[in-house]
Protein backbone atom coordinates (compact mmCIF):
# COMPACT_ATOMS: atom_id res chain seq x y z
CA MET A 1 49.83 20.40 -10.88
CA ASP A 2 51.18 22.70 -13.58
CA VAL A 3 49.24 25.79 -14.54
CA ASN A 4 50.02 27.21 -17.96
CA CYS A 5 47.32 29.83 -18.23
CA ASN A 6 46.79 32.66 -15.78
CA SER A 7 43.30 33.58 -16.90
CA LEU A 8 41.20 30.40 -16.69
CA ALA A 9 41.06 27.11 -14.80
CA VAL A 10 38.22 24.58 -15.07
CA PHE A 11 37.82 21.58 -12.79
CA ARG A 12 35.38 18.76 -13.44
CA LEU A 13 34.47 16.48 -10.56
CA CYS A 14 32.66 13.57 -12.12
CA GLY A 15 32.57 10.86 -9.48
CA ARG A 16 34.64 7.81 -8.71
CA ASN A 17 32.26 4.89 -8.73
CA THR A 18 34.16 1.77 -9.73
CA SER A 19 31.24 -0.62 -9.50
CA SER A 20 30.55 -2.51 -12.70
CA TYR A 21 26.81 -2.17 -12.02
CA ASP A 22 26.59 1.61 -11.72
CA PRO A 23 27.91 4.40 -13.93
CA ALA A 24 30.92 6.35 -12.61
CA CYS A 25 28.72 9.41 -12.19
CA ASN A 26 26.57 7.56 -9.61
CA TYR A 27 28.80 8.79 -6.80
CA SER A 28 28.53 11.12 -3.87
CA TYR A 29 31.77 12.72 -2.70
CA SER A 30 32.39 12.46 1.04
CA GLU A 31 33.13 15.59 3.03
CA LYS A 32 36.75 14.43 3.38
CA GLU A 33 37.08 14.09 -0.41
CA LEU A 34 35.55 17.54 -0.93
CA VAL A 35 37.95 19.09 1.59
CA THR A 36 40.90 17.52 -0.24
CA GLN A 37 39.66 18.84 -3.59
CA ALA A 38 38.97 22.28 -2.11
CA GLU A 39 42.51 22.53 -0.77
CA LYS A 40 43.99 21.68 -4.18
CA ILE A 41 41.68 24.04 -6.05
CA LYS A 42 42.27 26.93 -3.61
CA LYS A 43 45.97 26.82 -4.48
CA VAL A 44 45.18 27.18 -8.17
CA LYS A 45 42.43 29.74 -7.52
CA ASP A 46 44.98 32.09 -5.96
CA MET A 47 47.07 32.06 -9.18
CA ILE A 48 44.26 32.29 -11.75
CA ASP A 49 41.92 35.11 -12.72
CA ASN A 50 38.83 32.88 -13.25
CA THR A 51 38.32 29.47 -11.68
CA TYR A 52 35.32 27.28 -12.41
CA VAL A 53 34.42 24.00 -10.72
CA TYR A 54 31.57 21.84 -11.86
CA PHE A 55 30.21 18.53 -10.73
CA SER A 56 29.04 16.01 -13.28
CA ASN A 57 28.27 13.25 -10.79
CA SER A 58 24.71 14.11 -11.63
CA TYR A 59 23.22 10.61 -11.46
CA GLY A 60 20.20 11.03 -9.20
CA GLY A 61 21.06 14.66 -8.47
CA LYS A 62 24.14 14.02 -6.33
CA ALA A 63 25.93 16.90 -8.06
CA VAL A 64 23.51 19.39 -6.47
CA VAL A 65 24.42 18.31 -2.94
CA ASN A 66 28.16 18.10 -3.60
CA ALA A 67 28.30 21.41 -5.47
CA LEU A 68 26.59 23.30 -2.64
CA GLN A 69 28.76 21.61 -0.02
CA PHE A 70 31.84 22.49 -2.05
CA LYS A 71 30.76 26.10 -2.56
CA GLU A 72 30.52 26.58 1.18
CA MET A 73 33.98 25.05 1.69
CA ILE A 74 35.82 26.89 -1.06
CA ASN A 75 34.36 30.29 -0.15
CA ASN A 76 34.75 29.82 3.63
CA ALA A 77 31.31 31.36 3.95
CA PRO A 78 27.83 30.05 4.71
CA LEU A 79 25.43 29.37 1.88
CA LEU A 80 22.67 31.82 1.06
CA GLU A 81 19.27 31.00 2.57
CA ASN A 82 17.82 29.77 -0.73
CA GLU A 83 20.89 27.56 -1.27
CA LYS A 84 20.46 26.05 2.21
CA ILE A 85 16.85 25.26 1.38
CA VAL A 86 17.84 23.57 -1.88
CA LEU A 87 20.60 21.61 -0.13
CA ASN A 88 18.22 20.37 2.57
CA ILE A 89 15.59 19.37 0.02
CA ALA A 90 18.20 17.57 -2.10
CA ARG A 91 19.63 15.76 0.92
CA LYS A 92 16.15 14.66 1.99
CA TYR A 93 15.27 13.54 -1.55
CA LEU A 94 18.55 11.68 -1.97
CA SER A 95 18.77 10.29 1.57
CA ASN A 96 18.36 6.74 0.31
CA SER A 97 21.25 7.05 -2.13
CA LEU A 98 23.78 9.19 -0.21
C-alpha cells in the first residue's frame, strides 16, 4: 500500500457479498476479517495525521455492529458504556442476519 499524503487517509469498508441475490453491502465482516483490516490500517495510521474508517455495509444496520467492533480493535481499548449498549442492541436486532 503506497501512501502519498501524510495528512489524511480514508478507508471505506463496504462489504464483500458476492451473492447475485443480495447487494454487496448486505455483508457482516467476521472478527477475523476485521482483525486483518485493523492490522493494515494501524500501519497507515502511524504514518498519517488523520485516519478515518467508515463502514458502508449498512444493509440492515450491519455497519453499526462492525464499526463498533472495529473501533474497539483499532484503539485497543474497551468501548464506552453507551457504545456497548448500542452494540448489544444492534447484535440482538440483527441476530437473524449476522
